Amino acid sequence: MIKTIAVFLLVGALAILTGQVLPVGTVDGTVSDSTGGAMPGVPVTLLNLDTNQSRTATTNGSGYYFFPLVPPGRYQLTAEKAGFKKGTQPTLVRTGVRADIN
């Protein structure tokens, strides 16, 4: 019983410390066409406007993309596929916050 309680306390302490060590957020969303249909295989770029560094993800079969472990800052999200209008959206990423951009 005491060992079980100690394990739960240790896991809880690690969870708290991990949250303090990794000051990041996430960015995710769904890319869709003008009719609301999901668009799979679309390259999505997340550009940090302060550092000019970027990452790219590709939407899955449901049009969903995900950027984990994003440092806080100002970003521009761009989705672009041949035959469709380029979509661009600015966003602010905050520590511990999920930015849902469709």
PDB file of N, CA and C in Angstrom:
ATOM      1  N   MET A   1       0.820  -1.193   0.000  1.00  0.00           N
ATOM      2  CA  MET A   1       0.000   0.000   0.000  1.00  0.00           C
ATOM      3  C   MET A   1       0.869   1.263   0.000  1.00  0.00           C
ATOM      4  N   ILE A   2       1.883   1.291   0.854  1.00  0.00           N
ATOM      5  CA  ILE A   2       2.754   2.465   0.934  1.00  0.00           C
ATOM      6  C   ILE A   2       3.533   2.631  -0.361  1.00  0.00           C
ATOM      7  N   LYS A   3       3.977   1.516  -0.948  1.00  0.00           N
ATOM      8  CA  LYS A   3       4.697   1.592  -2.222  1.00  0.00           C
ATOM      9  C   LYS A   3       3.801   2.146  -3.315  1.00  0.00           C
ATOM     10  N   THR A   4       2.543   1.775  -3.334  1.00  0.00           N
ATOM     11  CA  THR A   4       1.599   2.268  -4.338  1.00  0.00           C
ATOM     12  C   THR A   4       1.402   3.767  -4.207  1.00  0.00           C
ATOM     13  N   ILE A   5       1.245   4.245  -2.988  1.00  0.00           N
ATOM     14  CA  ILE A   5       1.078   5.683  -2.757  1.00  0.00           C
ATOM     15  C   ILE A   5       2.343   6.425  -3.177  1.00  0.00           C
ATOM     16  N   ALA A   6       3.500   5.877  -2.849  1.00  0.00           N
ATOM     17  CA  ALA A   6       4.761   6.510  -3.227  1.00  0.00           C
ATOM     18  C   ALA A   6       4.903   6.607  -4.742  1.00  0.00           C
ATOM     19  N   VAL A   7       4.495   5.575  -5.462  1.00  0.00           N
ATOM     20  CA  VAL A   7       4.563   5.591  -6.930  1.00  0.00           C
ATOM     21  C   VAL A   7       3.651   6.674  -7.483  1.00  0.00           C
ATOM     22  N   PHE A   8       2.421   6.785  -6.967  1.00  0.00           N
ATOM     23  CA  PHE A   8       1.499   7.816  -7.441  1.00  0.00           C
ATOM     24  C   PHE A   8       2.035   9.218  -7.159  1.00  0.00           C
ATOM     25  N   LEU A   9       2.623   9.412  -6.000  1.00  0.00           N
ATOM     26  CA  LEU A   9       3.202  10.721  -5.682  1.00  0.00           C
ATOM     27  C   LEU A   9       4.372  11.052  -6.599  1.00  0.00           C
ATOM     28  N   LEU A  10       5.204  10.065  -6.880  1.00  0.00           N
ATOM     29  CA  LEU A  10       6.346  10.267  -7.773  1.00  0.00           C
ATOM     30  C   LEU A  10       5.880  10.615  -9.182  1.00  0.00           C
ATOM     31  N   VAL A  11       4.894   9.893  -9.687  1.00  0.00           N
ATOM     32  CA  VAL A  11       4.366  10.169 -11.027  1.00  0.00           C
ATOM     33  C   VAL A  11       3.761  11.573 -11.073  1.00  0.00           C
ATOM     34  N   GLY A  12       3.032  11.951 -10.055  1.00  0.00           N
ATOM     35  CA  GLY A  12       2.446  13.298 -10.003  1.00  0.00           C
ATOM     36  C   GLY A  12       3.511  14.379  -9.980  1.00  0.00           C
ATOM     37  N   ALA A  13       4.557  14.166  -9.192  1.00  0.00           N
ATOM     38  CA  ALA A  13       5.647  15.142  -9.127  1.00  0.00           C
ATOM     39  C   ALA A  13       6.352  15.268 -10.471  1.00  0.00           C
ATOM     40  N   LEU A  14       6.577  14.150 -11.148  1.00  0.00           N
ATOM     41  CA  LEU A  14       7.220  14.195 -12.467  1.00  0.00           C
ATOM     42  C   LEU A  14       6.348  14.929 -13.480  1.00  0.00           C
ATOM     43  N   ALA A  15       5.053  14.723 -13.421  1.00  0.00           N
ATOM     44  CA  ALA A  15       4.149  15.409 -14.345  1.00  0.00           C
ATOM     45  C   ALA A  15       4.220  16.919 -14.148  1.00  0.00           C
ATOM     46  N   ILE A  16       4.254  17.349 -12.907  1.00  0.00           N
ATOM     47  CA  ILE A  16       4.344  18.789 -12.616  1.00  0.00           C
ATOM     48  C   ILE A  16       5.675  19.344 -13.103  1.00  0.00           C
ATOM     49  N   LEU A  17       6.768  18.651 -12.807  1.00  0.00           N
ATOM     50  CA  LEU A  17       8.086  19.112 -13.237  1.00  0.00           C
ATOM     51  C   LEU A  17       8.206  19.149 -14.750  1.00  0.00           C
ATOM     52  N   THR A  18       7.666  18.164 -15.430  1.00  0.00           N
ATOM     53  CA  THR A  18       7.733  18.132 -16.886  1.00  0.00           C
ATOM     54  C   THR A  18       7.025  19.339 -17.474  1.00  0.00           C
ATOM     55  N   GLY A  19       5.891  19.698 -16.928  1.00  0.00           N
ATOM     56  CA  GLY A  19       5.160  20.862 -17.417  1.00  0.00           C
ATOM     57  C   GLY A  19       5.941  22.143 -17.245  1.00  0.00           C
ATOM     58  N   GLN A  20       6.758  22.222 -16.207  1.00  0.00           N
ATOM     59  CA  GLN A  20       7.550  23.421 -15.966  1.00  0.00           C
ATOM     60  C   GLN A  20       8.822  23.436 -16.802  1.00  0.00           C
ATOM     61  N   VAL A  21       9.328  22.285 -17.160  1.00  0.00           N
ATOM     62  CA  VAL A  21      10.566  22.191 -17.914  1.00  0.00           C
ATOM     63  C   VAL A  21      10.342  22.456 -19.398  1.00  0.00           C
ATOM     64  N   LEU A  22       9.187  22.078 -19.911  1.00  0.00           N
ATOM     65  CA  LEU A  22       8.894  22.219 -21.329  1.00  0.00           C
ATOM     66  C   LEU A  22       7.838  23.297 -21.578  1.00  0.00           C
ATOM     67  N   PRO A  23       8.245  24.558 -21.664  1.00  0.00           N
ATOM     68  CA  PRO A  23       7.274  25.626 -21.899  1.00  0.00           C
ATOM     69  C   PRO A  23       6.888  25.700 -23.380  1.00  0.00           C
ATOM     70  N   VAL A  24       5.957  24.849 -23.779  1.00  0.00           N
ATOM     71  CA  VAL A  24       5.563  24.767 -25.180  1.00  0.00           C
ATOM     72  C   VAL A  24       4.044  24.709 -25.299  1.00  0.00           C
ATOM     73  N   GLY A  25       3.574  24.902 -26.517  1.00  0.00           N
ATOM     74  CA  GLY A  25       2.168  24.735 -26.847  1.00  0.00           C
ATOM     75  C   GLY A  25       2.057  23.811 -28.040  1.00  0.00           C
ATOM     76  N   THR A  26       0.856  23.666 -28.579  1.00  0.00           N
ATOM     77  CA  THR A  26       0.642  22.868 -29.776  1.00  0.00           C
ATOM     78  C   THR A  26      -0.215  23.648 -30.759  1.00  0.00           C
ATOM     79  N   VAL A  27      -0.080  23.285 -32.023  1.00  0.00           N
ATOM     80  CA  VAL A  27      -0.905  23.873 -33.083  1.00  0.00           C
ATOM     81  C   VAL A  27      -1.466  22.712 -33.883  1.00  0.00           C
ATOM     82  N   ASP A  28      -2.775  22.716 -34.080  1.00  0.00           N
ATOM     83  CA  ASP A  28      -3.397  21.681 -34.892  1.00  0.00           C
ATOM     84  C   ASP A  28      -4.665  22.217 -35.519  1.00  0.00           C
ATOM     85  N   GLY A  29      -5.234  21.433 -36.432  1.00  0.00           N
ATOM     86  CA  GLY A  29      -6.468  21.840 -37.083  1.00  0.00           C
ATOM     87  C   GLY A  29      -6.762  20.962 -38.282  1.00  0.00           C
ATOM     88  N   THR A  30      -7.759  21.372 -39.026  1.00  0.00           N
ATOM     89  CA  THR A  30      -8.190  20.632 -40.202  1.00  0.00           C
ATOM     90  C   THR A  30      -8.204  21.564 -41.405  1.00  0.00           C
ATOM     91  N   VAL A  31      -7.676  21.079 -42.519  1.00  0.00           N
ATOM     92  CA  VAL A  31      -7.705  21.829 -43.779  1.00  0.00           C
ATOM     93  C   VAL A  31      -8.880  21.295 -44.592  1.00  0.00           C
ATOM     94  N   SER A  32      -9.733  22.216 -45.042  1.00  0.00           N
ATOM     95  CA  SER A  32     -10.895  21.807 -45.837  1.00  0.00           C
ATOM     96  C   SER A  32     -11.070  22.735 -47.030  1.00  0.00           C
ATOM     97  N   ASP A  33     -11.820  22.261 -48.014  1.00  0.00           N
ATOM     98  CA  ASP A  33     -12.085  23.084 -49.196  1.00  0.00           C
ATOM     99  C   ASP A  33     -13.290  23.983 -48.941  1.00  0.00           C
ATOM    100  N   SER A  34     -13.693  24.749 -49.952  1.00  0.00           N
ATOM    101  CA  SER A  34     -14.779  25.723 -49.782  1.00  0.00           C
ATOM    102  C   SER A  34     -16.130  25.074 -49.472  1.00  0.00           C
ATOM    103  N   THR A  35     -16.273  23.778 -49.754  1.00  0.00           N
ATOM    104  CA  THR A  35     -17.519  23.084 -49.437  1.00  0.00           C
ATOM    105  C   THR A  35     -17.472  22.427 -48.063  1.00  0.00           C
ATOM    106  N   GLY A  36     -16.321  22.516 -47.387  1.00  0.00           N
ATOM    107  CA  GLY A  36     -16.166  21.907 -46.069  1.00  0.00           C
ATOM    108  C   GLY A  36     -15.591  20.508 -46.118  1.00  0.00           C
ATOM    109  N   GLY A  37     -15.260  20.034 -47.321  1.00  0.00           N
ATOM    110  CA  GLY A  37     -14.679  18.694 -47.459  1.00  0.00           C
ATOM    111  C   GLY A  37     -13.234  18.666 -47.005  1.00  0.00           C
ATOM    112  N   ALA A  38     -12.862  17.615 -46.297  1.00  0.00           N
ATOM    113  CA  ALA A  38     -11.483  17.461 -45.813  1.00  0.00           C
ATOM    114  C   ALA A  38     -10.517  17.330 -46.978  1.00  0.00           C
ATOM    115  N   MET A  39      -9.331  17.898 -46.801  1.00  0.00           N
ATOM    116  CA  MET A  39      -8.300  17.857 -47.843  1.00  0.00           C
ATOM    117  C   MET A  39      -7.077  17.097 -47.342  1.00  0.00           C
ATOM    118  N   PRO A  40      -6.941  15.829 -47.701  1.00  0.00           N
ATOM    119  CA  PRO A  40      -5.761  15.058 -47.299  1.00  0.00           C
ATOM    120  C   PRO A  40      -4.543  15.403 -48.151  1.00  0.00           C
ATOM    121  N   GLY A  41      -3.362  15.180 -47.586  1.00  0.00           N
ATOM    122  CA  GLY A  41      -2.121  15.362 -48.339  1.00  0.00           C
ATOM    123  C   GLY A  41      -1.708  16.798 -48.593  1.00  0.00           C
ATOM    124  N   VAL A  42      -2.205  17.725 -47.796  1.00  0.00           N
ATOM    125  CA  VAL A  42      -1.857  19.137 -47.979  1.00  0.00           C
ATOM    126  C   VAL A  42      -0.661  19.488 -47.091  1.00  0.00           C
ATOM    127  N   PRO A  43       0.412  20.041 -47.675  1.00  0.00           N
ATOM    128  CA  PRO A  43       1.527  20.511 -46.853  1.00  0.00           C
ATOM    129  C   PRO A  43       1.110  21.753 -46.067  1.00  0.00           C
ATOM    130  N   VAL A  44       1.383  21.739 -44.769  1.00  0.00           N
ATOM    131  CA  VAL A  44       1.068  22.865 -43.885  1.00  0.00           C
ATOM    132  C   VAL A  44       2.379  23.312 -43.255  1.00  0.00           C
ATOM    133  N   THR A  45       2.681  24.609 -43.344  1.00  0.00           N
ATOM    134  CA  THR A  45       3.932  25.149 -42.822  1.00  0.00           C
ATOM    135  C   THR A  45       3.645  26.089 -41.664  1.00  0.00           C
ATOM    136  N   LEU A  46       4.381  25.915 -40.586  1.00  0.00           N
ATOM    137  CA  LEU A  46       4.288  26.777 -39.412  1.00  0.00           C
ATOM    138  C   LEU A  46       5.585  27.572 -39.322  1.00  0.00           C
ATOM    139  N   LEU A  47       5.508  28.884 -39.543  1.00  0.00           N
ATOM    140  CA  LEU A  47       6.674  29.767 -39.559  1.00  0.00           C
ATOM    141  C   LEU A  47       6.698  30.631 -38.310  1.00  0.00           C
ATOM    142  N   ASN A  48       7.808  30.575 -37.558  1.00  0.00           N
ATOM    143  CA  ASN A  48       8.000  31.438 -36.403  1.00  0.00           C
ATOM    144  C   ASN A  48       8.418  32.806 -36.937  1.00  0.00           C
ATOM    145  N   LEU A  49       7.594  33.818 -36.703  1.00  0.00           N
ATOM    146  CA  LEU A  49       7.855  35.153 -37.248  1.00  0.00           C
ATOM    147  C   LEU A  49       9.008  35.862 -36.556  1.00  0.00           C
ATOM    148  N   ASP A  50       9.381  35.402 -35.359  1.00  0.00           N
ATOM    149  CA  ASP A  50      10.483  36.034 -34.635  1.00  0.00           C
ATOM    150  C   ASP A  50      11.839  35.436 -34.991  1.00  0.00           C
ATOM    151  N   THR A  51      11.877  34.134 -35.305  1.00  0.00           N
ATOM    152  CA  THR A  51      13.156  33.465 -35.595  1.00  0.00           C
ATOM    153  C   THR A  51      13.309  33.081 -37.066  1.00  0.00           C
ATOM    154  N   ASN A  52      12.230  33.156 -37.816  1.00  0.00           N
ATOM    155  CA  ASN A  52      12.185  32.762 -39.228  1.00  0.00           C
ATOM    156  C   ASN A  52      12.419  31.263 -39.432  1.00  0.00           C
ATOM    157  N   GLN A  53      12.255  30.461 -38.390  1.00  0.00           N
ATOM    158  CA  GLN A  53      12.360  29.008 -38.510  1.00  0.00           C
ATOM    159  C   GLN A  53      10.980  28.448 -38.816  1.00  0.00           C
ATOM    160  N   SER A  54      10.959  27.383 -39.624  1.00  0.00           N
ATOM    161  CA  SER A  54       9.670  26.802 -39.989  1.00  0.00           C
ATOM    162  C   SER A  54       9.699  25.291 -39.872  1.00  0.00           C
ATOM    163  N   ARG A  55       8.506  24.716 -39.762  1.00  0.00           N
ATOM    164  CA  ARG A  55       8.309  23.267 -39.790  1.00  0.00           C
ATOM    165  C   ARG A  55       7.163  22.987 -40.735  1.00  0.00           C
ATOM    166  N   THR A  56       7.168  21.780 -41.268  1.00  0.00           N
ATOM    167  CA  THR A  56       6.108  21.387 -42.195  1.00  0.00           C
ATOM    168  C   THR A  56       5.492  20.068 -41.743  1.00  0.00           C
ATOM    169  N   ALA A  57       4.176  19.999 -41.874  1.00  0.00           N
ATOM    170  CA  ALA A  57       3.429  18.765 -41.627  1.00  0.00           C
ATOM    171  C   ALA A  57       2.526  18.559 -42.840  1.00  0.00           C
ATOM    172  N   THR A  58       2.025  17.360 -42.994  1.00  0.00           N
ATOM    173  CA  THR A  58       1.107  17.048 -44.090  1.00  0.00           C
ATOM    174  C   THR A  58      -0.194  16.539 -43.491  1.00  0.00           C
ATOM    175  N   THR A  59      -1.320  17.023 -44.017  1.00  0.00           N
ATOM    176  CA  THR A  59      -2.611  16.589 -43.493  1.00  0.00           C
ATOM    177  C   THR A  59      -2.829  15.102 -43.757  1.00  0.00           C
ATOM    178  N   ASN A  60      -3.521  14.458 -42.814  1.00  0.00           N
ATOM    179  CA  ASN A  60      -3.819  13.029 -42.967  1.00  0.00           C
ATOM    180  C   ASN A  60      -5.085  12.850 -43.820  1.00  0.00           C
ATOM    181  N   GLY A  61      -5.618  11.645 -43.852  1.00  0.00           N
ATOM    182  CA  GLY A  61      -6.787  11.347 -44.668  1.00  0.00           C
ATOM    183  C   GLY A  61      -8.028  12.136 -44.299  1.00  0.00           C
ATOM    184  N   SER A  62      -8.067  12.669 -43.083  1.00  0.00           N
ATOM    185  CA  SER A  62      -9.203  13.487 -42.629  1.00  0.00           C
ATOM    186  C   SER A  62      -8.916  14.978 -42.730  1.00  0.00           C
ATOM    187  N   GLY A  63      -7.768  15.339 -43.321  1.00  0.00           N
ATOM    188  CA  GLY A  63      -7.393  16.743 -43.454  1.00  0.00           C
ATOM    189  C   GLY A  63      -6.773  17.330 -42.193  1.00  0.00           C
ATOM    190  N   TYR A  64      -6.455  16.483 -41.220  1.00  0.00           N
ATOM    191  CA  TYR A  64      -5.937  16.936 -39.927  1.00  0.00           C
ATOM    192  C   TYR A  64      -4.411  17.055 -39.960  1.00  0.00           C
ATOM    193  N   TYR A  65      -3.895  18.116 -39.334  1.00  0.00           N
ATOM    194  CA  TYR A  65      -2.453  18.295 -39.164  1.00  0.00           C
ATOM    195  C   TYR A  65      -2.176  18.578 -37.686  1.00  0.00           C
ATOM    196  N   PHE A  66      -0.917  18.381 -37.255  1.00  0.00           N
ATOM    197  CA  PHE A  66      -0.562  18.562 -35.851  1.00  0.00           C
ATOM    198  C   PHE A  66       0.897  18.961 -35.726  1.00  0.00           C
ATOM    199  N   PHE A  67       1.150  20.022 -34.958  1.00  0.00           N
ATOM    200  CA  PHE A  67       2.511  20.454 -34.621  1.00  0.00           C
ATOM    201  C   PHE A  67       2.654  20.393 -33.098  1.00  0.00           C
ATOM    202  N   PRO A  68       3.380  19.392 -32.574  1.00  0.00           N
ATOM    203  CA  PRO A  68       3.590  19.309 -31.122  1.00  0.00           C
ATOM    204  C   PRO A  68       4.808  20.124 -30.698  1.00  0.00           C
ATOM    205  N   LEU A  69       4.912  20.380 -29.411  1.00  0.00           N
ATOM    206  CA  LEU A  69       6.093  21.004 -28.808  1.00  0.00           C
ATOM    207  C   LEU A  69       6.527  22.283 -29.518  1.00  0.00           C
ATOM    208  N   VAL A  70       5.599  23.212 -29.661  1.00  0.00           N
ATOM    209  CA  VAL A  70       5.871  24.485 -30.337  1.00  0.00           C
ATOM    210  C   VAL A  70       6.236  25.538 -29.284  1.00  0.00           C
ATOM    211  N   PRO A  71       7.433  26.128 -29.379  1.00  0.00           N
ATOM    212  CA  PRO A  71       7.815  27.176 -28.431  1.00  0.00           C
ATOM    213  C   PRO A  71       6.864  28.376 -28.542  1.00  0.00           C
ATOM    214  N   PRO A  72       6.611  29.065 -27.441  1.00  0.00           N
ATOM    215  CA  PRO A  72       5.737  30.240 -27.492  1.00  0.00           C
ATOM    216  C   PRO A  72       6.282  31.287 -28.456  1.00  0.00           C
ATOM    217  N   GLY A  73       5.373  32.003 -29.101  1.00  0.00           N
ATOM    218  CA  GLY A  73       5.781  33.062 -30.010  1.00  0.00           C
ATOM    219  C   GLY A  73       4.716  33.362 -31.048  1.00  0.00           C
ATOM    220  N   ARG A  74       5.092  34.249 -31.969  1.00  0.00           N
ATOM    221  CA  ARG A  74       4.198  34.640 -33.067  1.00  0.00           C
ATOM    222  C   ARG A  74       4.495  33.771 -34.275  1.00  0.00           C
ATOM    223  N   TYR A  75       3.446  33.203 -34.867  1.00  0.00           N
ATOM    224  CA  TYR A  75       3.601  32.284 -35.984  1.00  0.00           C
ATOM    225  C   TYR A  75       2.659  32.645 -37.127  1.00  0.00           C
ATOM    226  N   GLN A  76       3.009  32.139 -38.299  1.00  0.00           N
ATOM    227  CA  GLN A  76       2.134  32.206 -39.464  1.00  0.00           C
ATOM    228  C   GLN A  76       1.968  30.785 -39.978  1.00  0.00           C
ATOM    229  N   LEU A  77       0.725  30.373 -40.139  1.00  0.00           N
ATOM    230  CA  LEU A  77       0.415  29.032 -40.627  1.00  0.00           C
ATOM    231  C   LEU A  77      -0.025  29.149 -42.079  1.00  0.00           C
ATOM    232  N   THR A  78       0.543  28.322 -42.946  1.00  0.00           N
ATOM    233  CA  THR A  78       0.216  28.359 -44.370  1.00  0.00           C
ATOM    234  C   THR A  78      -0.097  26.956 -44.864  1.00  0.00           C
ATOM    235  N   ALA A  79      -1.210  26.846 -45.594  1.00  0.00           N
ATOM    236  CA  ALA A  79      -1.583  25.586 -46.248  1.00  0.00           C
ATOM    237  C   ALA A  79      -1.698  25.883 -47.735  1.00  0.00           C
ATOM    238  N   GLU A  80      -1.032  25.054 -48.542  1.00  0.00           N
ATOM    239  CA  GLU A  80      -1.001  25.334 -49.975  1.00  0.00           C
ATOM    240  C   GLU A  80      -1.003  24.032 -50.767  1.00  0.00           C
ATOM    241  N   LYS A  81      -1.938  23.950 -51.720  1.00  0.00           N
ATOM    242  CA  LYS A  81      -2.029  22.781 -52.593  1.00  0.00           C
ATOM    243  C   LYS A  81      -2.374  23.265 -53.997  1.00  0.00           C
ATOM    244  N   ALA A  82      -1.749  22.666 -54.990  1.00  0.00           N
ATOM    245  CA  ALA A  82      -1.978  23.053 -56.384  1.00  0.00           C
ATOM    246  C   ALA A  82      -3.471  22.975 -56.712  1.00  0.00           C
ATOM    247  N   GLY A  83      -3.961  23.997 -57.385  1.00  0.00           N
ATOM    248  CA  GLY A  83      -5.361  24.041 -57.785  1.00  0.00           C
ATOM    249  C   GLY A  83      -6.271  24.685 -56.760  1.00  0.00           C
ATOM    250  N   PHE A  84      -5.729  25.059 -55.593  1.00  0.00           N
ATOM    251  CA  PHE A  84      -6.517  25.680 -54.537  1.00  0.00           C
ATOM    252  C   PHE A  84      -5.860  26.979 -54.095  1.00  0.00           C
ATOM    253  N   LYS A  85      -6.671  27.871 -53.562  1.00  0.00           N
ATOM    254  CA  LYS A  85      -6.166  29.130 -53.037  1.00  0.00           C
ATOM    255  C   LYS A  85      -5.313  28.850 -51.790  1.00  0.00           C
ATOM    256  N   LYS A  86      -4.173  29.524 -51.705  1.00  0.00           N
ATOM    257  CA  LYS A  86      -3.278  29.393 -50.554  1.00  0.00           C
ATOM    258  C   LYS A  86      -3.956  29.996 -49.329  1.00  0.00           C
ATOM    259  N   GLY A  87      -3.926  29.265 -48.219  1.00  0.00           N
ATOM    260  CA  GLY A  87      -4.504  29.761 -46.971  1.00  0.00           C
ATOM    261  C   GLY A  87      -3.417  30.144 -45.997  1.00  0.00           C
ATOM    262  N   THR A  88      -3.530  31.336 -45.412  1.00  0.00           N
ATOM    263  CA  THR A  88      -2.549  31.827 -44.455  1.00  0.00           C
ATOM    264  C   THR A  88      -3.277  32.370 -43.235  1.00  0.00           C
ATOM    265  N   GLN A  89      -2.768  32.032 -42.051  1.00  0.00           N
ATOM    266  CA  GLN A  89      -3.407  32.475 -40.807  1.00  0.00           C
ATOM    267  C   GLN A  89      -2.334  32.782 -39.770  1.00  0.00           C
ATOM    268  N   PRO A  90      -2.334  33.998 -39.202  1.00  0.00           N
ATOM    269  CA  PRO A  90      -1.406  34.277 -38.111  1.00  0.00           C
ATOM    270  C   PRO A  90      -1.940  33.668 -36.814  1.00  0.00           C
ATOM    271  N   THR A  91      -1.029  33.323 -35.912  1.00  0.00           N
ATOM    272  CA  THR A  91      -1.456  32.799 -34.610  1.00  0.00           C
ATOM    273  C   THR A  91      -0.404  33.099 -33.558  1.00  0.00           C
ATOM    274  N   LEU A  92      -0.840  33.109 -32.326  1.00  0.00           N
ATOM    275  CA  LEU A  92       0.051  33.295 -31.188  1.00  0.00           C
ATOM    276  C   LEU A  92       0.040  31.999 -30.397  1.00  0.00           C
ATOM    277  N   VAL A  93       1.218  31.409 -30.214  1.00  0.00           N
ATOM    278  CA  VAL A  93       1.328  30.165 -29.449  1.00  0.00           C
ATOM    279  C   VAL A  93       1.741  30.527 -28.031  1.00  0.00           C
ATOM    280  N   ARG A  94       1.003  29.971 -27.064  1.00  0.00           N
ATOM    281  CA  ARG A  94       1.288  30.216 -25.651  1.00  0.00           C
ATOM    282  C   ARG A  94       1.623  28.912 -24.942  1.00  0.00           C
ATOM    283  N   THR A  95       2.364  29.004 -23.886  1.00  0.00           N
ATOM    284  CA  THR A  95       2.768  27.838 -23.110  1.00  0.00           C
ATOM    285  C   THR A  95       1.537  27.087 -22.594  1.00  0.00           C
ATOM    286  N   GLY A  96       1.518  25.773 -22.863  1.00  0.00           N
ATOM    287  CA  GLY A  96       0.454  24.926 -22.355  1.00  0.00           C
ATOM    288  C   GLY A  96      -0.887  25.098 -23.026  1.00  0.00           C
ATOM    289  N   VAL A  97      -0.929  25.822 -24.142  1.00  0.00           N
ATOM    290  CA  VAL A  97      -2.193  26.102 -24.819  1.00  0.00           C
ATOM    291  C   VAL A  97      -2.198  25.465 -26.197  1.00  0.00           C
ATOM    292  N   ARG A  98      -3.338  24.910 -26.560  1.00  0.00           N
ATOM    293  CA  ARG A  98      -3.526  24.312 -27.891  1.00  0.00           C
ATOM    294  C   ARG A  98      -4.147  25.361 -28.804  1.00  0.00           C
ATOM    295  N   ALA A  99      -3.448  25.695 -29.889  1.00  0.00           N
ATOM    296  CA  ALA A  99      -3.981  26.613 -30.889  1.00  0.00           C
ATOM    297  C   ALA A  99      -4.649  25.779 -31.982  1.00  0.00           C
ATOM    298  N   ASP A 100      -5.961  25.842 -32.076  1.00  0.00           N
ATOM    299  CA  ASP A 100      -6.747  25.071 -33.045  1.00  0.00           C
ATOM    300  C   ASP A 100      -7.068  25.987 -34.219  1.00  0.00           C
ATOM    301  N   ILE A 101      -6.391  25.749 -35.347  1.00  0.00           N
ATOM    302  CA  ILE A 101      -6.557  26.625 -36.517  1.00  0.00           C
ATOM    303  C   ILE A 101      -7.043  25.797 -37.698  1.00  0.00           C
ATOM    304  N   ASN A 102      -8.255  26.064 -38.133  1.00  0.00           N
ATOM    305  CA  ASN A 102      -8.848  25.357 -39.270  1.00  0.00           C
ATOM    306  C   ASN A 102      -8.847  26.251 -40.502  1.00  0.00           C
TER     307      ASN A 102
END
